[in-house]
Amino acid sequence: MRVKTPAGAPAGYMMGTDSAGISPAATAHSQPLPSTLRRRGPFPKPDTMLYSALKLIHLLAVILWVGGMLFAHCFLRPAAAQLEPPQRLRLMDAVLGPFLNAVGVASVLILATGALMIGQEAAQAARSGGAFFMPRAWTVMAAGGLVMTAIYGYIRAALYPRLRAAVAASEWPRGGQAMAGIRRWVGVNLALGLLIVAAVFLL
């Protein structure tokens, strides 16, 4: 059936279009969506967001622990060595207490987030029908982290209480012996921490 064109309509006029031949429906579809309805880029999957959060916490805890040991061993200790034994040991006692408490929290976060990230990777491999094998760098990181945590536990539970007791009793020779042990084991842990960081990037 032929549609009658209204009198005075421009050439090419079609019913349901404007003067340019564009339908109102097409014009409506071409308009941008309101800002509240637009999608602002691809959103990560919940698993990816959780993994990223775990990795961030893991890295921040490692920075606190290894960076704190580097500062104490390479900068604070040489400066404190210029003080007399009473002042030096009191200073180290005051610094080590809060630092060891912070490292205790950091070590728990490192172990917990590391285990959760490994668990997520293993679960993803199982869902895809494959087998999960830990990368060599992860194995080094996990084993080294456990050794470092054990050394920290020895410092916190055995050596530091000796230093505190010696400082409280003003027994400076005994405090010096305890501090020497702490310095030695902090050096070992610092070396392990730097080796683990290197292994993550090189292996």
C-alpha atoms as a PDB file:
ATOM      1  CA  MET A   1       0.000   0.000   0.000  1.00  0.00           C
ATOM      2  CA  ARG A   2       1.356   3.421  -0.951  1.00  0.00           C
ATOM      3  CA  VAL A   3       1.692   5.999   1.823  1.00  0.00           C
ATOM      4  CA  LYS A   4       0.527   9.458   0.869  1.00  0.00           C
ATOM      5  CA  THR A   5       3.160  12.147   1.374  1.00  0.00           C
ATOM      6  CA  PRO A   6       1.828  15.256   3.145  1.00  0.00           C
ATOM      7  CA  ALA A   7       1.584  18.408   1.085  1.00  0.00           C
ATOM      8  CA  GLY A   8       4.689  20.556   1.348  1.00  0.00           C
ATOM      9  CA  ALA A   9       6.871  17.725   2.672  1.00  0.00           C
ATOM     10  CA  PRO A  10      10.523  17.744   1.497  1.00  0.00           C
ATOM     11  CA  ALA A  11      11.772  15.259  -1.048  1.00  0.00           C
ATOM     12  CA  GLY A  12      12.604  11.883   0.458  1.00  0.00           C
ATOM     13  CA  TYR A  13      10.159  12.394   3.321  1.00  0.00           C
ATOM     14  CA  MET A  14       9.025   9.214   5.064  1.00  0.00           C
ATOM     15  CA  MET A  15       6.386   8.798   7.708  1.00  0.00           C
ATOM     16  CA  GLY A  16       7.906   8.549  11.185  1.00  0.00           C
ATOM     17  CA  THR A  17      11.006  10.595  10.305  1.00  0.00           C
ATOM     18  CA  ASP A  18      12.061  14.189  10.806  1.00  0.00           C
ATOM     19  CA  SER A  19      12.931  16.637   8.062  1.00  0.00           C
ATOM     20  CA  ALA A  20      16.367  15.039   7.678  1.00  0.00           C
ATOM     21  CA  GLY A  21      14.869  11.591   7.234  1.00  0.00           C
ATOM     22  CA  ILE A  22      15.957  10.330  10.668  1.00  0.00           C
ATOM     23  CA  SER A  23      13.403   8.587  12.826  1.00  0.00           C
ATOM     24  CA  PRO A  24      12.895   9.761  16.434  1.00  0.00           C
ATOM     25  CA  ALA A  25      13.592   6.205  17.673  1.00  0.00           C
ATOM     26  CA  ALA A  26      16.980   6.174  15.960  1.00  0.00           C
ATOM     27  CA  THR A  27      17.754   9.591  17.402  1.00  0.00           C
ATOM     28  CA  ALA A  28      16.870   8.379  20.903  1.00  0.00           C
ATOM     29  CA  HIS A  29      19.113   5.339  20.560  1.00  0.00           C
ATOM     30  CA  SER A  30      22.014   7.482  19.374  1.00  0.00           C
ATOM     31  CA  GLN A  31      21.916   9.702  22.474  1.00  0.00           C
ATOM     32  CA  PRO A  32      24.538   8.864  25.167  1.00  0.00           C
ATOM     33  CA  LEU A  33      23.314   7.099  28.284  1.00  0.00           C
ATOM     34  CA  PRO A  34      23.078   9.052  31.528  1.00  0.00           C
ATOM     35  CA  SER A  35      26.287   8.979  33.529  1.00  0.00           C
ATOM     36  CA  THR A  36      24.620   6.827  36.186  1.00  0.00           C
ATOM     37  CA  LEU A  37      23.882   4.130  33.596  1.00  0.00           C
ATOM     38  CA  ARG A  38      27.206   4.118  31.795  1.00  0.00           C
ATOM     39  CA  ARG A  39      29.712   1.385  32.507  1.00  0.00           C
ATOM     40  CA  ARG A  40      33.005   2.926  33.520  1.00  0.00           C
ATOM     41  CA  GLY A  41      35.351   0.449  31.932  1.00  0.00           C
ATOM     42  CA  PRO A  42      35.741  -3.279  32.599  1.00  0.00           C
ATOM     43  CA  PHE A  43      35.324  -4.293  36.215  1.00  0.00           C
ATOM     44  CA  PRO A  44      37.694  -6.985  37.545  1.00  0.00           C
ATOM     45  CA  LYS A  45      36.244 -10.235  38.709  1.00  0.00           C
ATOM     46  CA  PRO A  46      35.768 -10.606  42.478  1.00  0.00           C
ATOM     47  CA  ASP A  47      38.527 -13.241  42.601  1.00  0.00           C
ATOM     48  CA  THR A  48      40.917 -10.865  40.849  1.00  0.00           C
ATOM     49  CA  MET A  49      40.056  -8.023  43.230  1.00  0.00           C
ATOM     50  CA  LEU A  50      40.618 -10.265  46.250  1.00  0.00           C
ATOM     51  CA  TYR A  51      43.925 -11.531  44.862  1.00  0.00           C
ATOM     52  CA  SER A  52      45.115  -7.961  44.232  1.00  0.00           C
ATOM     53  CA  ALA A  53      44.181  -6.937  47.790  1.00  0.00           C
ATOM     54  CA  LEU A  54      46.018  -9.938  49.240  1.00  0.00           C
ATOM     55  CA  LYS A  55      49.087  -9.178  47.137  1.00  0.00           C
ATOM     56  CA  LEU A  56      49.096  -5.534  48.252  1.00  0.00           C
ATOM     57  CA  ILE A  57      48.917  -6.487  51.941  1.00  0.00           C
ATOM     58  CA  HIS A  58      51.633  -9.106  51.385  1.00  0.00           C
ATOM     59  CA  LEU A  59      54.000  -6.608  49.740  1.00  0.00           C
ATOM     60  CA  LEU A  60      53.408  -3.883  52.339  1.00  0.00           C
ATOM     61  CA  ALA A  61      54.160  -6.332  55.151  1.00  0.00           C
ATOM     62  CA  VAL A  62      57.366  -7.455  53.413  1.00  0.00           C
ATOM     63  CA  ILE A  63      58.457  -3.834  52.943  1.00  0.00           C
ATOM     64  CA  LEU A  64      57.857  -3.101  56.630  1.00  0.00           C
ATOM     65  CA  TRP A  65      59.828  -6.150  57.781  1.00  0.00           C
ATOM     66  CA  VAL A  66      62.777  -6.164  55.380  1.00  0.00           C
ATOM     67  CA  GLY A  67      62.992  -2.381  55.135  1.00  0.00           C
ATOM     68  CA  GLY A  68      62.910  -2.038  58.915  1.00  0.00           C
ATOM     69  CA  MET A  69      65.723  -4.554  59.335  1.00  0.00           C
ATOM     70  CA  LEU A  70      67.775  -2.784  56.669  1.00  0.00           C
ATOM     71  CA  PHE A  71      67.374   0.555  58.445  1.00  0.00           C
ATOM     72  CA  ALA A  72      68.137  -0.863  61.897  1.00  0.00           C
ATOM     73  CA  HIS A  73      71.139  -2.932  60.805  1.00  0.00           C
ATOM     74  CA  CYS A  74      72.775  -0.534  58.360  1.00  0.00           C
ATOM     75  CA  PHE A  75      71.910   2.903  59.743  1.00  0.00           C
ATOM     76  CA  LEU A  76      70.626   2.864  63.326  1.00  0.00           C
ATOM     77  CA  ARG A  77      73.177   0.397  64.710  1.00  0.00           C
ATOM     78  CA  PRO A  78      76.298   2.253  63.438  1.00  0.00           C
ATOM     79  CA  ALA A  79      74.949   5.545  64.806  1.00  0.00           C
ATOM     80  CA  ALA A  80      74.089   3.984  68.178  1.00  0.00           C
ATOM     81  CA  ALA A  81      77.576   2.443  68.407  1.00  0.00           C
ATOM     82  CA  GLN A  82      78.976   5.932  69.015  1.00  0.00           C
ATOM     83  CA  LEU A  83      77.044   6.200  72.293  1.00  0.00           C
ATOM     84  CA  GLU A  84      78.121   4.905  75.664  1.00  0.00           C
ATOM     85  CA  PRO A  85      76.769   1.419  76.572  1.00  0.00           C
ATOM     86  CA  PRO A  86      73.975   2.663  78.893  1.00  0.00           C
ATOM     87  CA  GLN A  87      72.615   5.130  76.334  1.00  0.00           C
ATOM     88  CA  ARG A  88      73.111   2.742  73.424  1.00  0.00           C
ATOM     89  CA  LEU A  89      71.336  -0.190  75.057  1.00  0.00           C
ATOM     90  CA  ARG A  90      68.469   1.962  76.321  1.00  0.00           C
ATOM     91  CA  LEU A  91      68.004   3.343  72.806  1.00  0.00           C
ATOM     92  CA  MET A  92      68.027  -0.108  71.198  1.00  0.00           C
ATOM     93  CA  ASP A  93      65.619  -1.432  73.815  1.00  0.00           C
ATOM     94  CA  ALA A  94      63.210   1.443  73.134  1.00  0.00           C
ATOM     95  CA  VAL A  95      63.423   0.970  69.353  1.00  0.00           C
ATOM     96  CA  LEU A  96      63.335  -2.824  69.189  1.00  0.00           C
ATOM     97  CA  GLY A  97      60.208  -3.233  71.317  1.00  0.00           C
ATOM     98  CA  PRO A  98      57.771  -1.481  68.943  1.00  0.00           C
ATOM     99  CA  PHE A  99      59.603  -2.765  65.875  1.00  0.00           C
ATOM    100  CA  LEU A 100      59.396  -6.401  66.951  1.00  0.00           C
ATOM    101  CA  ASN A 101      55.700  -5.974  67.718  1.00  0.00           C
ATOM    102  CA  ALA A 102      55.127  -4.570  64.224  1.00  0.00           C
ATOM    103  CA  VAL A 103      57.140  -7.403  62.662  1.00  0.00           C
ATOM    104  CA  GLY A 104      54.993  -9.890  64.567  1.00  0.00           C
ATOM    105  CA  VAL A 105      51.888  -8.502  62.860  1.00  0.00           C
ATOM    106  CA  ALA A 106      53.692  -8.332  59.504  1.00  0.00           C
ATOM    107  CA  SER A 107      54.848 -11.954  59.696  1.00  0.00           C
ATOM    108  CA  VAL A 108      51.297 -13.159  60.374  1.00  0.00           C
ATOM    109  CA  LEU A 109      49.991 -11.114  57.432  1.00  0.00           C
ATOM    110  CA  ILE A 110      52.736 -12.409  55.139  1.00  0.00           C
ATOM    111  CA  LEU A 111      52.062 -16.052  55.965  1.00  0.00           C
ATOM    112  CA  ALA A 112      48.265 -15.670  55.839  1.00  0.00           C
ATOM    113  CA  THR A 113      48.123 -13.741  52.567  1.00  0.00           C
ATOM    114  CA  GLY A 114      50.715 -16.020  50.981  1.00  0.00           C
ATOM    115  CA  ALA A 115      48.712 -19.113  51.887  1.00  0.00           C
ATOM    116  CA  LEU A 116      45.482 -17.533  50.603  1.00  0.00           C
ATOM    117  CA  MET A 117      47.072 -16.555  47.285  1.00  0.00           C
ATOM    118  CA  ILE A 118      48.458 -20.063  46.800  1.00  0.00           C
ATOM    119  CA  GLY A 119      45.035 -21.472  47.665  1.00  0.00           C
ATOM    120  CA  GLN A 120      43.358 -19.215  45.098  1.00  0.00           C
ATOM    121  CA  GLU A 121      45.761 -20.316  42.371  1.00  0.00           C
ATOM    122  CA  ALA A 122      45.251 -23.983  43.261  1.00  0.00           C
ATOM    123  CA  ALA A 123      41.459 -23.571  43.233  1.00  0.00           C
ATOM    124  CA  GLN A 124      41.579 -21.829  39.859  1.00  0.00           C
ATOM    125  CA  ALA A 125      43.679 -24.671  38.429  1.00  0.00           C
ATOM    126  CA  ALA A 126      41.217 -27.225  39.800  1.00  0.00           C
ATOM    127  CA  ARG A 127      38.230 -25.379  38.294  1.00  0.00           C
ATOM    128  CA  SER A 128      39.900 -25.344  34.892  1.00  0.00           C
ATOM    129  CA  GLY A 129      40.636 -29.064  35.105  1.00  0.00           C
ATOM    130  CA  GLY A 130      44.411 -28.680  35.402  1.00  0.00           C
ATOM    131  CA  ALA A 131      46.991 -29.470  38.053  1.00  0.00           C
ATOM    132  CA  PHE A 132      48.593 -26.794  40.214  1.00  0.00           C
ATOM    133  CA  PHE A 133      52.373 -26.711  40.541  1.00  0.00           C
ATOM    134  CA  MET A 134      53.998 -23.996  42.630  1.00  0.00           C
ATOM    135  CA  PRO A 135      56.573 -21.944  40.707  1.00  0.00           C
ATOM    136  CA  ARG A 136      60.127 -22.312  41.949  1.00  0.00           C
ATOM    137  CA  ALA A 137      60.225 -18.702  43.133  1.00  0.00           C
ATOM    138  CA  TRP A 138      57.087 -19.288  45.220  1.00  0.00           C
ATOM    139  CA  THR A 139      58.644 -22.361  46.819  1.00  0.00           C
ATOM    140  CA  VAL A 140      61.764 -20.384  47.739  1.00  0.00           C
ATOM    141  CA  MET A 141      59.602 -17.559  49.072  1.00  0.00           C
ATOM    142  CA  ALA A 142      57.441 -19.856  51.198  1.00  0.00           C
ATOM    143  CA  ALA A 143      60.363 -21.828  52.651  1.00  0.00           C
ATOM    144  CA  GLY A 144      62.403 -18.690  53.292  1.00  0.00           C
ATOM    145  CA  GLY A 145      59.441 -16.970  54.920  1.00  0.00           C
ATOM    146  CA  LEU A 146      58.998 -19.845  57.360  1.00  0.00           C
ATOM    147  CA  VAL A 147      62.709 -19.774  58.266  1.00  0.00           C
ATOM    148  CA  MET A 148      62.617 -16.001  58.755  1.00  0.00           C
ATOM    149  CA  THR A 149      59.546 -16.305  60.966  1.00  0.00           C
ATOM    150  CA  ALA A 150      61.285 -18.929  63.110  1.00  0.00           C
ATOM    151  CA  ILE A 151      64.330 -16.667  63.525  1.00  0.00           C
ATOM    152  CA  TYR A 152      62.066 -13.752  64.410  1.00  0.00           C
ATOM    153  CA  GLY A 153      60.353 -15.907  67.023  1.00  0.00           C
ATOM    154  CA  TYR A 154      63.729 -16.727  68.598  1.00  0.00           C
ATOM    155  CA  ILE A 155      64.699 -13.047  68.722  1.00  0.00           C
ATOM    156  CA  ARG A 156      61.341 -11.983  70.131  1.00  0.00           C
ATOM    157  CA  ALA A 157      60.913 -14.773  72.673  1.00  0.00           C
ATOM    158  CA  ALA A 158      64.508 -15.360  73.826  1.00  0.00           C
ATOM    159  CA  LEU A 159      66.998 -12.625  72.959  1.00  0.00           C
ATOM    160  CA  TYR A 160      64.945  -9.469  73.361  1.00  0.00           C
ATOM    161  CA  PRO A 161      63.672 -10.355  76.882  1.00  0.00           C
ATOM    162  CA  ARG A 162      67.317 -10.778  77.931  1.00  0.00           C
ATOM    163  CA  LEU A 163      68.108  -7.306  76.632  1.00  0.00           C
ATOM    164  CA  ARG A 164      65.130  -5.789  78.440  1.00  0.00           C
ATOM    165  CA  ALA A 165      66.012  -7.496  81.701  1.00  0.00           C
ATOM    166  CA  ALA A 166      69.643  -6.360  81.462  1.00  0.00           C
ATOM    167  CA  VAL A 167      68.646  -2.755  80.728  1.00  0.00           C
ATOM    168  CA  ALA A 168      66.134  -2.739  83.596  1.00  0.00           C
ATOM    169  CA  ALA A 169      68.837  -4.037  85.977  1.00  0.00           C
ATOM    170  CA  SER A 170      71.533  -1.739  84.508  1.00  0.00           C
ATOM    171  CA  GLU A 171      73.677  -4.801  83.760  1.00  0.00           C
ATOM    172  CA  TRP A 172      75.378  -3.387  80.687  1.00  0.00           C
ATOM    173  CA  PRO A 173      77.802  -6.249  79.900  1.00  0.00           C
ATOM    174  CA  ARG A 174      74.919  -8.738  79.906  1.00  0.00           C
ATOM    175  CA  GLY A 175      72.842  -6.338  77.835  1.00  0.00           C
ATOM    176  CA  GLY A 176      75.699  -6.035  75.358  1.00  0.00           C
ATOM    177  CA  GLN A 177      75.799  -9.823  74.948  1.00  0.00           C
ATOM    178  CA  ALA A 178      72.059  -9.967  74.310  1.00  0.00           C
ATOM    179  CA  MET A 179      72.310  -7.112  71.817  1.00  0.00           C
ATOM    180  CA  ALA A 180      75.142  -8.863  69.980  1.00  0.00           C
ATOM    181  CA  GLY A 181      72.937 -11.941  69.556  1.00  0.00           C
ATOM    182  CA  ILE A 182      70.041  -9.829  68.289  1.00  0.00           C
ATOM    183  CA  ARG A 183      72.324  -8.042  65.841  1.00  0.00           C
ATOM    184  CA  ARG A 184      73.688 -11.334  64.499  1.00  0.00           C
ATOM    185  CA  TRP A 185      70.276 -12.916  63.905  1.00  0.00           C
ATOM    186  CA  VAL A 186      68.773  -9.734  62.462  1.00  0.00           C
ATOM    187  CA  GLY A 187      71.657  -9.763  59.982  1.00  0.00           C
ATOM    188  CA  VAL A 188      70.844 -13.363  59.046  1.00  0.00           C
ATOM    189  CA  ASN A 189      67.164 -12.515  58.580  1.00  0.00           C
ATOM    190  CA  LEU A 190      68.015  -9.450  56.517  1.00  0.00           C
ATOM    191  CA  ALA A 191      70.212 -11.522  54.201  1.00  0.00           C
ATOM    192  CA  LEU A 192      67.448 -14.119  53.833  1.00  0.00           C
ATOM    193  CA  GLY A 193      64.873 -11.433  53.093  1.00  0.00           C
ATOM    194  CA  LEU A 194      67.017  -9.848  50.376  1.00  0.00           C
ATOM    195  CA  LEU A 195      67.736 -13.260  48.832  1.00  0.00           C
ATOM    196  CA  ILE A 196      64.011 -14.055  48.746  1.00  0.00           C
ATOM    197  CA  VAL A 197      63.237 -10.736  47.049  1.00  0.00           C
ATOM    198  CA  ALA A 198      65.977 -11.424  44.486  1.00  0.00           C
ATOM    199  CA  ALA A 199      64.641 -14.947  43.886  1.00  0.00           C
ATOM    200  CA  VAL A 200      61.158 -13.622  43.128  1.00  0.00           C
ATOM    201  CA  PHE A 201      62.520 -11.486  40.286  1.00  0.00           C
ATOM    202  CA  LEU A 202      65.279 -13.784  38.995  1.00  0.00           C
ATOM    203  CA  LEU A 203      63.809 -17.306  39.157  1.00  0.00           C
END
